[in-house]
C-alpha atoms as a PDB file:
ATOM      1  CA  UNK A   1       0.000   0.000   0.000  1.00  0.00           C
ATOM      2  CA  UNK A   2       1.286   3.435  -0.883  1.00  0.00           C
ATOM      3  CA  UNK A   3      -0.350   6.561   0.488  1.00  0.00           C
ATOM      4  CA  UNK A   4       0.512  10.156  -0.176  1.00  0.00           C
ATOM      5  CA  UNK A   5       0.684  12.460   2.838  1.00  0.00           C
ATOM      6  CA  UNK A   6      -2.700  13.827   1.786  1.00  0.00           C
ATOM      7  CA  UNK A   7      -4.213  10.328   1.720  1.00  0.00           C
ATOM      8  CA  UNK A   8      -2.651   9.435   5.073  1.00  0.00           C
ATOM      9  CA  UNK A   9      -4.040  12.676   6.511  1.00  0.00           C
ATOM     10  CA  UNK A  10      -7.534  11.998   5.221  1.00  0.00           C
ATOM     11  CA  UNK A  11      -7.572   8.359   6.311  1.00  0.00           C
ATOM     12  CA  UNK A  12      -6.182   9.222   9.745  1.00  0.00           C
ATOM     13  CA  UNK A  13      -8.986  11.779  10.231  1.00  0.00           C
ATOM     14  CA  UNK A  14     -11.537   9.074   9.394  1.00  0.00           C
ATOM     15  CA  UNK A  15      -9.788   6.685  11.775  1.00  0.00           C
ATOM     16  CA  UNK A  16      -9.822   9.298  14.548  1.00  0.00           C
ATOM     17  CA  UNK A  17     -13.571   9.636  14.000  1.00  0.00           C
ATOM     18  CA  UNK A  18     -13.991   5.850  14.270  1.00  0.00           C
ATOM     19  CA  UNK A  19     -12.088   5.850  17.552  1.00  0.00           C
ATOM     20  CA  UNK A  20     -14.047   8.809  18.942  1.00  0.00           C
ATOM     21  CA  UNK A  21     -17.523   7.918  17.721  1.00  0.00           C
ATOM     22  CA  UNK A  22     -17.789   4.139  17.294  1.00  0.00           C
ATOM     23  CA  UNK A  23     -15.394   3.259  20.119  1.00  0.00           C
ATOM     24  CA  UNK A  24     -16.354   6.170  22.393  1.00  0.00           C
ATOM     25  CA  UNK A  25     -12.757   7.157  23.151  1.00  0.00           C
ATOM     26  CA  UNK A  26     -11.836  10.620  24.365  1.00  0.00           C
ATOM     27  CA  UNK A  27      -8.624  12.592  24.778  1.00  0.00           C
ATOM     28  CA  UNK A  28      -6.384  10.808  27.290  1.00  0.00           C
ATOM     29  CA  UNK A  29      -7.993   7.377  26.864  1.00  0.00           C
ATOM     30  CA  UNK A  30      -5.705   4.481  26.050  1.00  0.00           C
ATOM     31  CA  UNK A  31      -5.780   2.010  23.180  1.00  0.00           C
ATOM     32  CA  UNK A  32      -3.741  -1.188  22.805  1.00  0.00           C
ATOM     33  CA  UNK A  33      -2.948  -2.296  19.250  1.00  0.00           C
ATOM     34  CA  UNK A  34      -1.675  -5.820  18.809  1.00  0.00           C
ATOM     35  CA  UNK A  35      -1.065  -6.073  15.109  1.00  0.00           C
ATOM     36  CA  UNK A  36       1.530  -7.403  12.709  1.00  0.00           C
ATOM     37  CA  UNK A  37       3.091  -5.060  10.144  1.00  0.00           C
ATOM     38  CA  UNK A  38      -0.044  -3.819   8.396  1.00  0.00           C
ATOM     39  CA  UNK A  39      -0.886  -0.342   7.040  1.00  0.00           C
ATOM     40  CA  UNK A  40      -3.717   0.054   9.549  1.00  0.00           C
ATOM     41  CA  UNK A  41      -1.112   0.236  12.305  1.00  0.00           C
ATOM     42  CA  UNK A  42       0.057   3.567  10.872  1.00  0.00           C
ATOM     43  CA  UNK A  43      -3.504   4.862  10.544  1.00  0.00           C
ATOM     44  CA  UNK A  44      -4.180   4.067  14.184  1.00  0.00           C
ATOM     45  CA  UNK A  45      -0.918   5.639  15.294  1.00  0.00           C
ATOM     46  CA  UNK A  46      -1.521   8.934  13.473  1.00  0.00           C
ATOM     47  CA  UNK A  47      -5.231   8.966  14.385  1.00  0.00           C
ATOM     48  CA  UNK A  48      -4.389   8.611  18.074  1.00  0.00           C
ATOM     49  CA  UNK A  49      -2.045  11.595  17.829  1.00  0.00           C
ATOM     50  CA  UNK A  50      -4.823  13.608  16.194  1.00  0.00           C
ATOM     51  CA  UNK A  51      -7.414  12.670  18.816  1.00  0.00           C
ATOM     52  CA  UNK A  52      -5.136  12.832  21.868  1.00  0.00           C
ATOM     53  CA  UNK A  53      -5.541   9.123  22.534  1.00  0.00           C
ATOM     54  CA  UNK A  54      -2.589   7.272  24.076  1.00  0.00           C
ATOM     55  CA  UNK A  55      -1.397   4.546  21.683  1.00  0.00           C
ATOM     56  CA  UNK A  56       0.146   1.367  23.119  1.00  0.00           C
ATOM     57  CA  UNK A  57       1.594  -0.818  20.361  1.00  0.00           C
ATOM     58  CA  UNK A  58       2.130  -4.513  20.906  1.00  0.00           C
ATOM     59  CA  UNK A  59       3.810  -7.153  18.821  1.00  0.00           C
ATOM     60  CA  UNK A  60       1.881 -10.048  17.338  1.00  0.00           C
ATOM     61  CA  UNK A  61       4.119 -12.401  19.364  1.00  0.00           C
ATOM     62  CA  UNK A  62       2.449 -11.513  22.678  1.00  0.00           C
ATOM     63  CA  UNK A  63       0.961 -14.378  24.656  1.00  0.00           C
ATOM     64  CA  UNK A  64      -2.429 -14.221  26.358  1.00  0.00           C
ATOM     65  CA  UNK A  65      -0.650 -13.524  29.657  1.00  0.00           C
ATOM     66  CA  UNK A  66       1.269 -10.616  28.059  1.00  0.00           C
ATOM     67  CA  UNK A  67      -1.939  -9.193  26.606  1.00  0.00           C
ATOM     68  CA  UNK A  68      -3.712  -9.436  29.954  1.00  0.00           C
ATOM     69  CA  UNK A  69      -0.858  -7.622  31.697  1.00  0.00           C
ATOM     70  CA  UNK A  70      -0.826  -4.803  29.118  1.00  0.00           C
ATOM     71  CA  UNK A  71      -4.587  -4.328  29.328  1.00  0.00           C
ATOM     72  CA  UNK A  72      -4.508  -4.141  33.123  1.00  0.00           C
ATOM     73  CA  UNK A  73      -1.401  -1.962  33.419  1.00  0.00           C
ATOM     74  CA  UNK A  74      -2.520   0.515  30.754  1.00  0.00           C
ATOM     75  CA  UNK A  75      -6.201   0.584  31.750  1.00  0.00           C
ATOM     76  CA  UNK A  76      -6.950   0.563  28.026  1.00  0.00           C
ATOM     77  CA  UNK A  77     -10.511   1.242  26.953  1.00  0.00           C
ATOM     78  CA  UNK A  78     -10.040  -0.219  23.463  1.00  0.00           C
ATOM     79  CA  UNK A  79      -8.037  -3.014  21.888  1.00  0.00           C
ATOM     80  CA  UNK A  80      -7.291  -3.489  18.203  1.00  0.00           C
ATOM     81  CA  UNK A  81      -6.089  -6.756  16.715  1.00  0.00           C
ATOM     82  CA  UNK A  82      -6.570  -9.018  13.710  1.00  0.00           C
ATOM     83  CA  UNK A  83      -8.428 -12.291  13.094  1.00  0.00           C
ATOM     84  CA  UNK A  84      -5.445 -14.472  13.962  1.00  0.00           C
ATOM     85  CA  UNK A  85      -4.761 -12.825  17.331  1.00  0.00           C
ATOM     86  CA  UNK A  86      -8.378 -12.285  18.427  1.00  0.00           C
ATOM     87  CA  UNK A  87      -8.711 -15.688  20.181  1.00  0.00           C
ATOM     88  CA  UNK A  88      -5.751 -14.876  22.474  1.00  0.00           C
ATOM     89  CA  UNK A  89      -7.341 -11.510  23.280  1.00  0.00           C
ATOM     90  CA  UNK A  90     -10.748 -13.057  23.913  1.00  0.00           C
ATOM     91  CA  UNK A  91      -9.233 -15.557  26.347  1.00  0.00           C
ATOM     92  CA  UNK A  92      -8.257 -12.713  28.734  1.00  0.00           C
ATOM     93  CA  UNK A  93     -11.149 -10.271  28.272  1.00  0.00           C
ATOM     94  CA  UNK A  94     -12.859 -11.324  31.501  1.00  0.00           C
ATOM     95  CA  UNK A  95      -9.856  -9.966  33.437  1.00  0.00           C
ATOM     96  CA  UNK A  96     -10.075  -6.500  31.875  1.00  0.00           C
ATOM     97  CA  UNK A  97     -12.514  -4.248  33.689  1.00  0.00           C
ATOM     98  CA  UNK A  98     -11.605  -1.081  31.746  1.00  0.00           C
ATOM     99  CA  UNK A  99     -12.068  -2.358  28.178  1.00  0.00           C
ATOM    100  CA  UNK A 100     -15.107  -0.838  26.448  1.00  0.00           C
ATOM    101  CA  UNK A 101     -14.588  -1.631  22.763  1.00  0.00           C
ATOM    102  CA  UNK A 102     -12.791  -4.104  20.537  1.00  0.00           C
ATOM    103  CA  UNK A 103     -11.770  -3.434  16.941  1.00  0.00           C
ATOM    104  CA  UNK A 104     -10.760  -6.116  14.504  1.00  0.00           C
ATOM    105  CA  UNK A 105      -8.644  -5.363  11.444  1.00  0.00           C
ATOM    106  CA  UNK A 106      -9.375  -7.755   8.612  1.00  0.00           C
ATOM    107  CA  UNK A 107     -12.019  -9.098   6.317  1.00  0.00           C
ATOM    108  CA  UNK A 108     -13.774 -11.376   8.771  1.00  0.00           C
ATOM    109  CA  UNK A 109     -16.131 -10.538  11.595  1.00  0.00           C
ATOM    110  CA  UNK A 110     -16.403 -11.771  15.151  1.00  0.00           C
ATOM    111  CA  UNK A 111     -19.236 -11.529  17.633  1.00  0.00           C
ATOM    112  CA  UNK A 112     -18.824  -8.521  19.902  1.00  0.00           C
ATOM    113  CA  UNK A 113     -16.095  -6.925  17.762  1.00  0.00           C
ATOM    114  CA  UNK A 114     -16.326  -3.823  15.579  1.00  0.00           C
ATOM    115  CA  UNK A 115     -14.859  -4.225  12.099  1.00  0.00           C
ATOM    116  CA  UNK A 116     -12.341  -1.464  11.451  1.00  0.00           C
ATOM    117  CA  UNK A 117     -12.569  -1.561   7.656  1.00  0.00           C
ATOM    118  CA  UNK A 118     -16.370  -1.400   7.677  1.00  0.00           C
ATOM    119  CA  UNK A 119     -16.360   1.571  10.056  1.00  0.00           C
ATOM    120  CA  UNK A 120     -13.680   3.365   8.066  1.00  0.00           C
END
């Protein structure tokens, strides 16, 4: 994927709107992104800067225990991941009292998850 700065700016504005409206995040809220190297990672990163949301990146090699720790320590209100990593995230969701929304990046859909591409 190649984006011009204008395209990245436009897409990051749309992403910031998704985070603010669909996910209900506000300035100062925290989001954990556990994604491999995909273009959406950059959209989320820039969108969080625009909206004043604190962005916590995580590698796709995190275990369920690692994910649980990051969710608890950061008090994240939103988590973003892909289809392959969603089961590991779901296995620790009961431990996270702060999490309000879950975004999935990919073509598929999961119960209880918002689809990032559809919202964008």
